[in-house]
N, C-alpha and C. Protein backbone atom coordinates (compact mmCIF):
# COMPACT_ATOMS: atom_id res chain seq x y z
N MET A 1 -18.26 39.70 14.05
CA MET A 1 -17.26 40.41 13.96
C MET A 1 -15.98 40.17 14.84
N LYS A 2 -16.30 39.49 15.95
CA LYS A 2 -15.13 38.95 16.87
C LYS A 2 -14.46 37.90 15.96
N GLN A 3 -15.11 37.13 15.22
CA GLN A 3 -14.22 36.19 14.44
C GLN A 3 -13.45 36.77 13.37
N VAL A 4 -13.77 37.79 12.74
CA VAL A 4 -13.03 38.66 11.68
C VAL A 4 -11.66 38.95 12.37
N ILE A 5 -12.10 39.66 13.76
CA ILE A 5 -10.91 40.41 14.35
C ILE A 5 -9.95 39.26 14.85
N ALA A 6 -10.48 38.29 15.22
CA ALA A 6 -9.51 37.09 15.69
C ALA A 6 -8.58 36.50 14.56
N GLN A 7 -9.46 36.44 13.37
CA GLN A 7 -8.64 36.13 12.26
C GLN A 7 -7.55 37.05 11.70
N LYS A 8 -7.71 38.40 11.95
CA LYS A 8 -6.73 39.28 11.62
C LYS A 8 -5.48 39.19 12.71
N GLN A 9 -5.78 38.90 14.17
CA GLN A 9 -5.03 38.69 14.85
C GLN A 9 -3.97 37.51 14.60
N ALA A 10 -4.55 36.46 14.23
CA ALA A 10 -3.83 35.23 13.75
C ALA A 10 -2.73 35.38 12.73
N ILE A 11 -2.91 36.50 12.22
CA ILE A 11 -1.68 36.63 11.15
C ILE A 11 -1.03 38.07 11.32
N ALA A 12 -1.25 38.69 12.37
CA ALA A 12 -0.82 40.15 12.75
C ALA A 12 0.78 40.16 12.65
N HIS A 13 1.31 39.16 13.09
CA HIS A 13 2.73 38.99 13.37
C HIS A 13 3.54 38.89 11.98
N LEU A 14 2.76 38.51 10.88
CA LEU A 14 3.26 38.02 9.45
C LEU A 14 3.35 39.57 8.80
N THR A 15 4.23 40.19 9.28
CA THR A 15 4.54 41.41 8.36
C THR A 15 5.38 41.13 7.29
N PRO A 16 5.38 41.94 6.27
CA PRO A 16 6.45 41.78 5.01
C PRO A 16 7.80 41.91 5.46
N GLU A 17 7.96 42.47 6.56
CA GLU A 17 9.57 42.24 7.03
C GLU A 17 9.88 41.05 7.63
N ALA A 18 8.77 40.43 8.34
CA ALA A 18 9.02 39.20 9.01
C ALA A 18 9.11 38.04 8.17
N ILE A 19 8.24 38.09 7.07
CA ILE A 19 8.28 37.25 6.04
C ILE A 19 9.65 37.15 5.30
N LYS A 20 9.99 38.36 4.96
CA LYS A 20 11.35 38.65 4.16
C LYS A 20 12.43 37.92 5.11
N GLN A 21 12.44 38.22 6.40
CA GLN A 21 13.46 37.76 7.39
C GLN A 21 13.48 36.23 7.52
N ALA A 22 12.38 35.68 7.48
CA ALA A 22 12.06 34.19 7.57
C ALA A 22 12.90 33.66 6.28
N PHE A 23 12.93 34.26 5.11
CA PHE A 23 13.29 33.66 4.04
C PHE A 23 14.70 34.12 3.76
N GLU A 24 15.46 34.76 4.73
CA GLU A 24 16.85 35.27 4.59
C GLU A 24 17.76 34.06 4.33
N GLY A 25 18.48 34.07 3.28
CA GLY A 25 19.55 33.11 3.06
C GLY A 25 18.92 32.03 2.35
N THR A 26 17.76 32.14 1.83
CA THR A 26 17.19 31.17 0.74
C THR A 26 17.19 31.57 -0.55
N ASN A 27 17.07 30.69 -1.56
CA ASN A 27 17.12 30.95 -2.89
C ASN A 27 15.80 30.11 -3.47
N PHE A 28 14.60 30.78 -3.60
CA PHE A 28 13.66 30.15 -4.35
C PHE A 28 13.44 30.48 -5.92
N GLY A 29 14.32 31.38 -6.32
CA GLY A 29 14.46 31.83 -7.80
C GLY A 29 13.29 32.85 -7.90
N ARG A 30 12.65 33.24 -7.07
CA ARG A 30 11.77 34.37 -6.90
C ARG A 30 11.59 35.11 -5.61
N THR A 31 10.98 36.25 -5.47
CA THR A 31 10.84 37.14 -4.16
C THR A 31 9.35 37.19 -3.74
N ASP A 32 8.42 36.48 -4.31
CA ASP A 32 7.10 36.81 -3.85
C ASP A 32 6.83 35.79 -2.60
N PHE A 33 7.41 36.16 -1.56
CA PHE A 33 7.58 35.01 -0.50
C PHE A 33 6.24 34.89 0.23
N ASP A 34 5.25 35.81 0.26
CA ASP A 34 4.03 35.57 0.72
C ASP A 34 3.20 34.63 -0.21
N VAL A 35 3.43 34.64 -1.50
CA VAL A 35 2.71 33.83 -2.41
C VAL A 35 3.40 32.35 -2.24
N ILE A 36 4.54 32.14 -2.01
CA ILE A 36 5.27 30.87 -1.64
C ILE A 36 4.80 30.17 -0.32
N LEU A 37 4.49 31.07 0.57
CA LEU A 37 3.65 30.52 1.95
C LEU A 37 2.65 30.06 1.58
N ALA A 38 1.68 30.80 1.04
CA ALA A 38 0.54 30.54 0.72
C ALA A 38 0.33 29.19 -0.14
N GLU A 39 0.94 29.03 -1.19
CA GLU A 39 1.23 27.83 -1.95
C GLU A 39 1.43 26.66 -1.21
N THR A 40 2.55 26.79 -0.25
CA THR A 40 2.95 25.82 0.88
C THR A 40 1.79 25.33 1.59
N VAL A 41 1.10 26.33 2.06
CA VAL A 41 -0.19 25.98 2.96
C VAL A 41 -1.23 25.23 2.25
N LEU A 42 -1.51 25.81 0.93
CA LEU A 42 -2.52 25.05 0.09
C LEU A 42 -1.98 23.62 -0.13
N GLU A 43 -0.93 23.49 -0.53
CA GLU A 43 -0.36 22.24 -0.84
C GLU A 43 -0.57 21.32 0.23
N ARG A 44 -0.33 21.66 1.27
CA ARG A 44 -0.43 20.76 2.59
C ARG A 44 -1.75 20.49 2.83
N ALA A 45 -2.82 21.38 2.82
CA ALA A 45 -4.23 21.39 2.83
C ALA A 45 -4.81 20.35 1.91
N ALA A 46 -4.12 19.99 0.75
CA ALA A 46 -4.47 19.31 -0.25
C ALA A 46 -3.84 17.93 -0.23
N GLY A 47 -3.07 17.77 0.97
CA GLY A 47 -2.57 16.44 0.93
C GLY A 47 -1.21 16.19 0.29
N TYR A 48 -0.54 17.24 -0.26
CA TYR A 48 0.49 17.10 -1.18
C TYR A 48 1.75 17.42 0.08
N SER A 49 2.99 17.09 -0.37
CA SER A 49 4.01 17.33 0.45
C SER A 49 5.02 18.45 -0.27
N PRO A 50 4.84 19.63 0.14
CA PRO A 50 5.79 20.76 -0.62
C PRO A 50 7.42 20.58 -0.10
N GLY A 51 8.01 21.17 -0.52
CA GLY A 51 9.44 21.25 -0.12
C GLY A 51 9.74 21.38 1.21
N HIS A 52 10.85 20.89 1.56
CA HIS A 52 11.27 20.92 3.09
C HIS A 52 11.50 22.24 3.59
N ARG A 53 12.11 23.02 2.90
CA ARG A 53 12.67 24.35 3.41
C ARG A 53 11.32 25.28 3.45
N ALA A 54 10.53 25.14 2.31
CA ALA A 54 9.14 25.95 2.48
C ALA A 54 8.43 25.62 3.75
N THR A 55 8.32 24.20 3.95
CA THR A 55 7.44 23.77 4.91
C THR A 55 8.07 24.02 6.36
N SER A 56 9.47 24.11 6.45
CA SER A 56 10.04 24.52 7.61
C SER A 56 9.68 26.08 8.03
N ILE A 57 9.93 26.75 7.00
CA ILE A 57 9.54 28.23 7.24
C ILE A 57 8.06 28.55 7.74
N ALA A 58 7.08 27.78 6.93
CA ALA A 58 5.81 27.88 7.27
C ALA A 58 5.51 27.35 8.70
N THR A 59 6.16 26.31 9.05
CA THR A 59 5.87 25.82 10.38
C THR A 59 6.58 26.82 11.39
N ARG A 60 7.66 27.39 11.04
CA ARG A 60 8.17 28.30 12.19
C ARG A 60 7.41 29.52 12.18
N LEU A 61 6.57 30.03 11.18
CA LEU A 61 6.01 31.24 11.23
C LEU A 61 4.43 30.75 11.84
N GLY A 62 4.24 29.58 12.11
CA GLY A 62 2.81 29.31 12.72
C GLY A 62 1.83 28.97 11.75
N LEU A 63 2.00 28.71 10.38
CA LEU A 63 1.10 28.52 9.43
C LEU A 63 0.71 26.89 9.22
N LEU A 64 1.60 26.20 9.65
CA LEU A 64 1.52 24.70 9.68
C LEU A 64 1.85 24.26 11.23
N GLY A 65 1.02 23.09 11.67
CA GLY A 65 1.30 22.70 13.13
C GLY A 65 2.69 21.93 13.01
N ASP A 66 3.31 22.05 14.39
CA ASP A 66 4.58 21.56 14.67
C ASP A 66 4.65 19.96 14.51
N LYS A 67 3.90 19.55 14.97
CA LYS A 67 3.80 18.00 15.19
C LYS A 67 3.23 17.19 14.00
N THR A 68 1.90 17.76 13.38
CA THR A 68 1.23 17.09 12.48
C THR A 68 1.43 17.64 11.02
N GLY A 69 1.92 18.92 10.99
CA GLY A 69 2.00 19.53 9.78
C GLY A 69 0.82 20.10 9.24
N ASN A 70 -0.36 19.86 9.89
CA ASN A 70 -1.71 20.31 9.51
C ASN A 70 -1.66 21.82 9.52
N VAL A 71 -2.59 22.35 8.58
CA VAL A 71 -2.62 23.85 8.17
C VAL A 71 -3.36 24.30 9.59
N THR A 72 -2.95 25.66 10.04
CA THR A 72 -3.50 26.31 11.31
C THR A 72 -4.41 27.33 10.67
N LYS A 73 -5.11 27.82 11.66
CA LYS A 73 -6.02 28.81 11.46
C LYS A 73 -5.29 30.10 10.79
N ALA A 74 -4.03 30.48 11.22
CA ALA A 74 -3.21 31.31 10.50
C ALA A 74 -2.80 31.02 9.24
N GLY A 75 -2.54 29.82 9.06
CA GLY A 75 -2.31 29.36 7.46
C GLY A 75 -3.47 29.70 6.51
N HIS A 76 -4.45 29.13 7.12
CA HIS A 76 -5.82 29.48 6.23
C HIS A 76 -6.11 30.87 5.99
N LYS A 77 -5.79 31.75 6.90
CA LYS A 77 -6.08 33.02 6.77
C LYS A 77 -5.05 33.77 5.76
N LEU A 78 -3.79 33.35 5.96
CA LEU A 78 -2.72 34.02 5.23
C LEU A 78 -3.08 33.56 3.65
N ALA A 79 -3.34 32.26 3.41
CA ALA A 79 -3.50 31.84 2.04
C ALA A 79 -4.82 32.55 1.50
N PHE A 80 -5.81 32.83 2.22
CA PHE A 80 -6.97 33.59 1.75
C PHE A 80 -6.63 34.95 1.58
N GLU A 81 -5.94 35.51 2.51
CA GLU A 81 -5.52 37.09 2.31
C GLU A 81 -4.78 37.08 1.01
N VAL A 82 -3.75 36.36 0.83
CA VAL A 82 -2.75 36.52 -0.28
C VAL A 82 -3.40 36.38 -1.58
N PHE A 83 -4.20 35.23 -1.80
CA PHE A 83 -4.82 34.96 -3.18
C PHE A 83 -5.95 36.05 -3.23
N TYR A 84 -6.83 36.27 -2.31
CA TYR A 84 -8.02 37.11 -2.43
C TYR A 84 -7.33 38.51 -2.81
N SER A 85 -6.50 39.10 -2.12
CA SER A 85 -6.02 40.54 -2.29
C SER A 85 -5.31 40.35 -3.76
N ARG A 86 -4.71 39.48 -4.01
CA ARG A 86 -4.05 39.63 -5.48
C ARG A 86 -5.17 39.51 -6.61
N ARG A 87 -6.12 38.72 -6.35
CA ARG A 87 -7.50 38.80 -7.35
C ARG A 87 -8.07 40.13 -7.51
N LYS A 88 -8.24 40.68 -6.32
CA LYS A 88 -8.75 41.93 -6.36
C LYS A 88 -8.17 43.10 -6.98
N ARG A 89 -6.79 42.89 -6.94
CA ARG A 89 -5.85 43.84 -7.65
C ARG A 89 -5.83 43.75 -9.05
N VAL A 90 -5.81 42.36 -9.58
CA VAL A 90 -6.05 42.16 -11.06
C VAL A 90 -7.32 42.45 -11.51
N GLY A 91 -8.19 42.36 -10.81
CA GLY A 91 -9.64 42.62 -11.30
C GLY A 91 -10.79 41.83 -11.31
N GLY A 92 -10.41 40.74 -10.41
CA GLY A 92 -11.49 39.66 -10.28
C GLY A 92 -11.21 38.63 -11.24
N SER A 93 -12.32 37.72 -11.40
CA SER A 93 -12.22 36.41 -11.99
C SER A 93 -12.61 36.65 -13.46
N ASP A 94 -12.04 35.94 -14.31
CA ASP A 94 -12.51 35.72 -15.88
C ASP A 94 -13.35 34.58 -16.04
N ALA A 95 -13.96 34.00 -14.88
CA ALA A 95 -14.90 33.11 -15.17
C ALA A 95 -16.28 33.59 -15.69
N SER A 96 -16.58 34.69 -15.50
CA SER A 96 -17.66 35.30 -16.09
C SER A 96 -17.72 35.54 -17.59
N LYS A 97 -16.60 35.48 -18.14
CA LYS A 97 -16.30 35.64 -19.65
C LYS A 97 -16.36 34.60 -20.71
């Protein structure tokens, strides 16, 4: 239970308003900024180098480490929350069909 609470606290500062403000003045061609952040985190976790702007924003929000660029606990939690919550809204996986 304590671990779940700690994970929620890790991303408590990432409100939709805070995420929108972090992307202020950028043009990614879309406005699903939480998904852009989650994709950036997953790309870094897989060893890829996502774009500089998205990486800078993710680092500033504490999703990637300052010096190493490694994914932080907050980054893992955000990516899980974004993709898991979207999957639940859509109705689950089609893997069983």
